[in-house]
Amino acid sequence: MGRDLFILREREYEAFLSVLRKLLSDACAKIVFLVDKNGTLLASAGDTAEFDTTSLASLAAGNIAATGGLANLIGEKEFSILFHEGERDHMHISVLADRLILVVIFDRRSSVGLVRLRVRRASEDLARILFSAEEEPEGGGVIEELTDADIESLFK
């Protein structure tokens, strides 16, 4: 799983979205985002109209990277779960399969315990979708490496 760049196909996007929608409901969350470690938003569920989703995805990935540096200082690989508590809204961020970041924004209608419980189950489902897509034969999987030659061919 050393590849940094990948293409998300519709079948797996819909599967990810289904898991995110269930998590949104089960955790009584406001918004759920699935982001890659490069900061690209892959899918979201909930009312995202008032959010700058591009910035949120990028900052979530930056947050994971920054806390990874802190983790290294104390001898850890990374912190797989982060929690930020605000006055109104709270954010639960978790790393999935060393590749994806799951962001859950919730308010007082939920609790960190409920969110953690529901995220654990959703994380397993999301990782299963990711791994099954990667195991598919070349050309049939959700994730494939995009080479420089592929990019060049798009502009010819």
C-alpha atoms as a PDB file:
ATOM      1  CA  MET A   1       0.000   0.000   0.000  1.00  0.00           C
ATOM      2  CA  GLY A   2       2.826   2.352  -0.718  1.00  0.00           C
ATOM      3  CA  ARG A   3       0.983   3.991  -3.590  1.00  0.00           C
ATOM      4  CA  ASP A   4       0.073   7.574  -2.904  1.00  0.00           C
ATOM      5  CA  LEU A   5      -2.125   8.338  -5.899  1.00  0.00           C
ATOM      6  CA  PHE A   6      -5.190   6.358  -6.808  1.00  0.00           C
ATOM      7  CA  ILE A   7      -8.389   6.488  -8.802  1.00  0.00           C
ATOM      8  CA  LEU A   8     -11.685   5.815  -7.085  1.00  0.00           C
ATOM      9  CA  ARG A   9     -14.164   4.009  -9.327  1.00  0.00           C
ATOM     10  CA  GLU A  10     -17.909   4.470  -9.070  1.00  0.00           C
ATOM     11  CA  ARG A  11     -18.745   1.039  -7.635  1.00  0.00           C
ATOM     12  CA  GLU A  12     -16.424   1.497  -4.678  1.00  0.00           C
ATOM     13  CA  TYR A  13     -17.344   5.181  -4.323  1.00  0.00           C
ATOM     14  CA  GLU A  14     -20.986   4.117  -3.909  1.00  0.00           C
ATOM     15  CA  ALA A  15     -19.949   1.439  -1.393  1.00  0.00           C
ATOM     16  CA  PHE A  16     -17.916   4.013   0.582  1.00  0.00           C
ATOM     17  CA  LEU A  17     -20.844   6.434   0.438  1.00  0.00           C
ATOM     18  CA  SER A  18     -23.246   3.799   1.736  1.00  0.00           C
ATOM     19  CA  VAL A  19     -21.010   3.144   4.753  1.00  0.00           C
ATOM     20  CA  LEU A  20     -20.626   6.889   5.394  1.00  0.00           C
ATOM     21  CA  ARG A  21     -24.394   7.444   5.286  1.00  0.00           C
ATOM     22  CA  LYS A  22     -24.962   4.615   7.750  1.00  0.00           C
ATOM     23  CA  LEU A  23     -22.256   6.011  10.041  1.00  0.00           C
ATOM     24  CA  LEU A  24     -23.826   9.471   9.816  1.00  0.00           C
ATOM     25  CA  SER A  25     -27.146   8.073  10.998  1.00  0.00           C
ATOM     26  CA  ASP A  26     -25.855   5.558  13.559  1.00  0.00           C
ATOM     27  CA  ALA A  27     -23.480   8.044  15.223  1.00  0.00           C
ATOM     28  CA  CYS A  28     -25.997  10.921  15.165  1.00  0.00           C
ATOM     29  CA  ALA A  29     -23.308  12.942  13.390  1.00  0.00           C
ATOM     30  CA  LYS A  30     -23.646  16.122  11.362  1.00  0.00           C
ATOM     31  CA  ILE A  31     -21.119  15.316   8.643  1.00  0.00           C
ATOM     32  CA  VAL A  32     -18.803  12.439   7.750  1.00  0.00           C
ATOM     33  CA  PHE A  33     -15.849  12.767   5.350  1.00  0.00           C
ATOM     34  CA  LEU A  34     -13.560  10.167   3.837  1.00  0.00           C
ATOM     35  CA  VAL A  35     -10.212  11.649   2.810  1.00  0.00           C
ATOM     36  CA  ASP A  36      -6.992  10.170   1.470  1.00  0.00           C
ATOM     37  CA  LYS A  37      -3.713  10.935   3.237  1.00  0.00           C
ATOM     38  CA  ASN A  38      -2.847  13.458   0.522  1.00  0.00           C
ATOM     39  CA  GLY A  39      -5.837  15.556   1.580  1.00  0.00           C
ATOM     40  CA  THR A  40      -8.183  14.697  -1.276  1.00  0.00           C
ATOM     41  CA  LEU A  41     -11.845  14.399  -0.370  1.00  0.00           C
ATOM     42  CA  LEU A  42     -13.102  11.004  -1.585  1.00  0.00           C
ATOM     43  CA  ALA A  43     -16.682  11.004  -0.282  1.00  0.00           C
ATOM     44  CA  SER A  44     -18.891  12.726   2.254  1.00  0.00           C
ATOM     45  CA  ALA A  45     -22.296  12.370   3.855  1.00  0.00           C
ATOM     46  CA  GLY A  46     -24.392  14.966   5.638  1.00  0.00           C
ATOM     47  CA  ASP A  47     -25.000  18.641   5.075  1.00  0.00           C
ATOM     48  CA  THR A  48     -21.728  19.929   3.666  1.00  0.00           C
ATOM     49  CA  ALA A  49     -23.194  23.142   2.172  1.00  0.00           C
ATOM     50  CA  GLU A  50     -21.735  25.416   4.847  1.00  0.00           C
ATOM     51  CA  PHE A  51     -18.301  23.756   4.858  1.00  0.00           C
ATOM     52  CA  ASP A  52     -15.286  24.350   2.662  1.00  0.00           C
ATOM     53  CA  THR A  53     -14.830  20.633   2.045  1.00  0.00           C
ATOM     54  CA  THR A  54     -11.567  21.057   0.133  1.00  0.00           C
ATOM     55  CA  SER A  55      -9.945  22.923   3.021  1.00  0.00           C
ATOM     56  CA  LEU A  56     -11.382  20.546   5.602  1.00  0.00           C
ATOM     57  CA  ALA A  57      -9.991  17.515   3.763  1.00  0.00           C
ATOM     58  CA  SER A  58      -6.592  19.139   3.336  1.00  0.00           C
ATOM     59  CA  LEU A  59      -6.388  20.293   6.947  1.00  0.00           C
ATOM     60  CA  ALA A  60      -7.471  16.880   8.266  1.00  0.00           C
ATOM     61  CA  ALA A  61      -4.621  15.263   6.326  1.00  0.00           C
ATOM     62  CA  GLY A  62      -2.246  17.949   7.620  1.00  0.00           C
ATOM     63  CA  ASN A  63      -3.453  17.287  11.147  1.00  0.00           C
ATOM     64  CA  ILE A  64      -2.666  13.585  10.763  1.00  0.00           C
ATOM     65  CA  ALA A  65       0.773  14.415   9.354  1.00  0.00           C
ATOM     66  CA  ALA A  66       1.541  16.887  12.163  1.00  0.00           C
ATOM     67  CA  THR A  67       0.491  14.521  14.920  1.00  0.00           C
ATOM     68  CA  GLY A  68       2.500  11.822  13.174  1.00  0.00           C
ATOM     69  CA  GLY A  69       5.565  13.950  13.867  1.00  0.00           C
ATOM     70  CA  LEU A  70       4.563  14.200  17.517  1.00  0.00           C
ATOM     71  CA  ALA A  71       4.020  10.450  17.650  1.00  0.00           C
ATOM     72  CA  ASN A  72       7.502   9.840  16.251  1.00  0.00           C
ATOM     73  CA  LEU A  73       9.001  11.994  18.993  1.00  0.00           C
ATOM     74  CA  ILE A  74       7.621   9.658  21.633  1.00  0.00           C
ATOM     75  CA  GLY A  75       8.393   6.459  19.726  1.00  0.00           C
ATOM     76  CA  GLU A  76       5.007   5.804  18.126  1.00  0.00           C
ATOM     77  CA  LYS A  77       4.355   5.236  14.410  1.00  0.00           C
ATOM     78  CA  GLU A  78       1.347   7.571  14.405  1.00  0.00           C
ATOM     79  CA  PHE A  79      -1.745   8.368  16.417  1.00  0.00           C
ATOM     80  CA  SER A  80      -4.576   6.535  14.699  1.00  0.00           C
ATOM     81  CA  ILE A  81      -7.360   8.472  16.437  1.00  0.00           C
ATOM     82  CA  LEU A  82      -7.623  12.204  17.116  1.00  0.00           C
ATOM     83  CA  PHE A  83     -10.422  14.045  18.878  1.00  0.00           C
ATOM     84  CA  HIS A  84     -11.048  17.788  18.906  1.00  0.00           C
ATOM     85  CA  GLU A  85     -13.659  19.256  21.224  1.00  0.00           C
ATOM     86  CA  GLY A  86     -15.246  22.613  20.466  1.00  0.00           C
ATOM     87  CA  GLU A  87     -17.964  24.665  22.114  1.00  0.00           C
ATOM     88  CA  ARG A  88     -20.663  23.466  19.698  1.00  0.00           C
ATOM     89  CA  ASP A  89     -19.113  20.901  17.425  1.00  0.00           C
ATOM     90  CA  HIS A  90     -16.588  18.152  17.914  1.00  0.00           C
ATOM     91  CA  MET A  91     -14.399  16.288  15.453  1.00  0.00           C
ATOM     92  CA  HIS A  92     -13.279  12.672  15.545  1.00  0.00           C
ATOM     93  CA  ILE A  93     -10.499  11.825  13.074  1.00  0.00           C
ATOM     94  CA  SER A  94      -9.202   8.315  12.492  1.00  0.00           C
ATOM     95  CA  VAL A  95      -6.721   6.675  10.139  1.00  0.00           C
ATOM     96  CA  LEU A  96      -7.935   3.619   8.231  1.00  0.00           C
ATOM     97  CA  ALA A  97      -5.692   0.988   6.682  1.00  0.00           C
ATOM     98  CA  ASP A  98      -2.700   3.384   6.810  1.00  0.00           C
ATOM     99  CA  ARG A  99      -4.211   5.093   3.781  1.00  0.00           C
ATOM    100  CA  LEU A 100      -7.537   6.802   4.438  1.00  0.00           C
ATOM    101  CA  ILE A 101      -8.755   9.340   6.971  1.00  0.00           C
ATOM    102  CA  LEU A 102     -12.281   9.253   8.356  1.00  0.00           C
ATOM    103  CA  VAL A 103     -13.561  12.558   9.774  1.00  0.00           C
ATOM    104  CA  VAL A 104     -16.767  12.691  11.822  1.00  0.00           C
ATOM    105  CA  ILE A 105     -18.194  16.040  12.897  1.00  0.00           C
ATOM    106  CA  PHE A 106     -20.840  15.854  15.601  1.00  0.00           C
ATOM    107  CA  ASP A 107     -22.515  17.999  18.249  1.00  0.00           C
ATOM    108  CA  ARG A 108     -24.194  17.470  21.619  1.00  0.00           C
ATOM    109  CA  ARG A 109     -26.828  15.159  20.089  1.00  0.00           C
ATOM    110  CA  SER A 110     -24.121  12.492  20.106  1.00  0.00           C
ATOM    111  CA  SER A 111     -21.174  11.553  22.313  1.00  0.00           C
ATOM    112  CA  VAL A 112     -17.545  10.692  21.731  1.00  0.00           C
ATOM    113  CA  GLY A 113     -18.232   7.173  23.024  1.00  0.00           C
ATOM    114  CA  LEU A 114     -21.024   6.579  20.527  1.00  0.00           C
ATOM    115  CA  VAL A 115     -18.955   8.026  17.693  1.00  0.00           C
ATOM    116  CA  ARG A 116     -15.945   5.848  18.562  1.00  0.00           C
ATOM    117  CA  LEU A 117     -18.129   2.734  18.700  1.00  0.00           C
ATOM    118  CA  ARG A 118     -19.770   3.446  15.342  1.00  0.00           C
ATOM    119  CA  VAL A 119     -16.482   4.514  13.715  1.00  0.00           C
ATOM    120  CA  ARG A 120     -14.883   1.218  14.726  1.00  0.00           C
ATOM    121  CA  ARG A 121     -17.564  -0.738  12.851  1.00  0.00           C
ATOM    122  CA  ALA A 122     -17.569   1.613   9.838  1.00  0.00           C
ATOM    123  CA  SER A 123     -13.763   1.505   9.666  1.00  0.00           C
ATOM    124  CA  GLU A 124     -13.841  -2.246   9.232  1.00  0.00           C
ATOM    125  CA  ASP A 125     -16.357  -1.919   6.400  1.00  0.00           C
ATOM    126  CA  LEU A 126     -14.406   0.868   4.674  1.00  0.00           C
ATOM    127  CA  ALA A 127     -11.128  -1.061   4.948  1.00  0.00           C
ATOM    128  CA  ARG A 128     -12.818  -4.174   3.555  1.00  0.00           C
ATOM    129  CA  ILE A 129     -14.027  -2.171   0.527  1.00  0.00           C
ATOM    130  CA  LEU A 130     -10.550  -0.735   0.023  1.00  0.00           C
ATOM    131  CA  PHE A 131      -8.773  -4.088   0.332  1.00  0.00           C
ATOM    132  CA  SER A 132     -11.215  -5.995  -1.881  1.00  0.00           C
ATOM    133  CA  ALA A 133     -10.839  -3.339  -4.583  1.00  0.00           C
ATOM    134  CA  GLU A 134      -7.050  -3.546  -4.412  1.00  0.00           C
ATOM    135  CA  GLU A 135      -7.161  -7.336  -4.792  1.00  0.00           C
ATOM    136  CA  GLU A 136      -9.067  -7.173  -8.086  1.00  0.00           C
ATOM    137  CA  PRO A 137      -7.132  -7.893 -11.273  1.00  0.00           C
ATOM    138  CA  GLU A 138      -5.435  -5.039 -13.138  1.00  0.00           C
ATOM    139  CA  GLY A 139      -7.988  -2.729 -14.693  1.00  0.00           C
ATOM    140  CA  GLY A 140     -10.837  -3.957 -12.510  1.00  0.00           C
ATOM    141  CA  GLY A 141      -9.938  -2.494  -9.145  1.00  0.00           C
ATOM    142  CA  VAL A 142     -10.903   0.749  -7.530  1.00  0.00           C
ATOM    143  CA  ILE A 143      -7.339   1.752  -6.937  1.00  0.00           C
ATOM    144  CA  GLU A 144      -4.684   1.849  -9.568  1.00  0.00           C
ATOM    145  CA  GLU A 145      -1.451   3.689  -9.851  1.00  0.00           C
ATOM    146  CA  LEU A 146      -1.520   6.753 -12.090  1.00  0.00           C
ATOM    147  CA  THR A 147       1.811   7.036 -13.867  1.00  0.00           C
ATOM    148  CA  ASP A 148       3.464  10.017 -15.527  1.00  0.00           C
ATOM    149  CA  ALA A 149       2.822   8.334 -18.883  1.00  0.00           C
ATOM    150  CA  ASP A 150      -0.912   8.157 -18.065  1.00  0.00           C
ATOM    151  CA  ILE A 151      -0.976  11.861 -17.297  1.00  0.00           C
ATOM    152  CA  GLU A 152       0.988  12.725 -20.447  1.00  0.00           C
ATOM    153  CA  SER A 153      -1.407  10.674 -22.594  1.00  0.00           C
ATOM    154  CA  LEU A 154      -4.328  12.760 -21.319  1.00  0.00           C
ATOM    155  CA  PHE A 155      -2.802  15.911 -22.788  1.00  0.00           C
ATOM    156  CA  LYS A 156      -1.850  14.559 -26.235  1.00  0.00           C
END
